[in-house]
Amino acid sequence: MELIIYIFLFLILFLGVIFNLKITNFKKIKEIRNKAKYYSKKNN
């Protein structure tokens, strides 16, 4: 019974880490795109 609980907690932790990484990567991509747009406007 304890083993099942530990596996369940580990899965929640693992999914949380993956989800957080996806969110941070998405935010970084958005920032990079905004910077690219800003620089292209600046050059023109």
C-alpha atoms as a PDB file:
ATOM      1  CA  MET A   1       0.000   0.000   0.000  1.00  0.00           C
ATOM      2  CA  GLU A   2       2.787   2.446   0.875  1.00  0.00           C
ATOM      3  CA  LEU A   3       4.570   1.610  -2.383  1.00  0.00           C
ATOM      4  CA  ILE A   4       1.501   2.617  -4.421  1.00  0.00           C
ATOM      5  CA  ILE A   5       1.322   5.958  -2.582  1.00  0.00           C
ATOM      6  CA  TYR A   6       5.035   6.631  -3.199  1.00  0.00           C
ATOM      7  CA  ILE A   7       4.684   5.797  -6.913  1.00  0.00           C
ATOM      8  CA  PHE A   8       1.639   8.082  -7.150  1.00  0.00           C
ATOM      9  CA  LEU A   9       3.482  10.978  -5.467  1.00  0.00           C
ATOM     10  CA  PHE A  10       6.511  10.444  -7.729  1.00  0.00           C
ATOM     11  CA  LEU A  11       4.297  10.551 -10.834  1.00  0.00           C
ATOM     12  CA  ILE A  12       2.667  13.812  -9.691  1.00  0.00           C
ATOM     13  CA  LEU A  13       6.104  15.324  -9.052  1.00  0.00           C
ATOM     14  CA  PHE A  14       7.420  14.115 -12.427  1.00  0.00           C
ATOM     15  CA  LEU A  15       4.413  15.483 -14.338  1.00  0.00           C
ATOM     16  CA  GLY A  16       4.703  18.781 -12.469  1.00  0.00           C
ATOM     17  CA  VAL A  17       8.360  19.148 -13.461  1.00  0.00           C
ATOM     18  CA  ILE A  18       7.609  18.403 -17.134  1.00  0.00           C
ATOM     19  CA  PHE A  19       4.669  20.834 -17.107  1.00  0.00           C
ATOM     20  CA  ASN A  20       6.807  23.594 -15.539  1.00  0.00           C
ATOM     21  CA  LEU A  21       9.566  23.083 -18.110  1.00  0.00           C
ATOM     22  CA  LYS A  22       7.058  23.339 -20.965  1.00  0.00           C
ATOM     23  CA  ILE A  23       5.618  26.570 -19.537  1.00  0.00           C
ATOM     24  CA  THR A  24       9.063  28.169 -19.052  1.00  0.00           C
ATOM     25  CA  ASN A  25      10.163  27.140 -22.559  1.00  0.00           C
ATOM     26  CA  PHE A  26       6.982  28.640 -24.032  1.00  0.00           C
ATOM     27  CA  LYS A  27       7.613  31.924 -22.181  1.00  0.00           C
ATOM     28  CA  LYS A  28      11.249  32.013 -23.367  1.00  0.00           C
ATOM     29  CA  ILE A  29      10.164  31.431 -26.971  1.00  0.00           C
ATOM     30  CA  LYS A  30       7.663  34.294 -26.692  1.00  0.00           C
ATOM     31  CA  GLU A  31      10.361  36.599 -25.263  1.00  0.00           C
ATOM     32  CA  ILE A  32      12.789  35.706 -28.052  1.00  0.00           C
ATOM     33  CA  ARG A  33      10.105  36.361 -30.690  1.00  0.00           C
ATOM     34  CA  ASN A  34       9.291  39.740 -29.141  1.00  0.00           C
ATOM     35  CA  LYS A  35      12.986  40.676 -29.071  1.00  0.00           C
ATOM     36  CA  ALA A  36      13.378  39.621 -32.709  1.00  0.00           C
ATOM     37  CA  LYS A  37      10.410  41.802 -33.707  1.00  0.00           C
ATOM     38  CA  TYR A  38      11.827  44.708 -31.700  1.00  0.00           C
ATOM     39  CA  TYR A  39      15.255  44.447 -33.349  1.00  0.00           C
ATOM     40  CA  SER A  40      13.778  44.168 -36.855  1.00  0.00           C
ATOM     41  CA  LYS A  41      11.709  47.324 -36.226  1.00  0.00           C
ATOM     42  CA  LYS A  42      14.792  49.105 -34.862  1.00  0.00           C
ATOM     43  CA  ASN A  43      16.859  48.277 -37.967  1.00  0.00           C
ATOM     44  CA  ASN A  44      14.160  49.530 -40.334  1.00  0.00           C
END
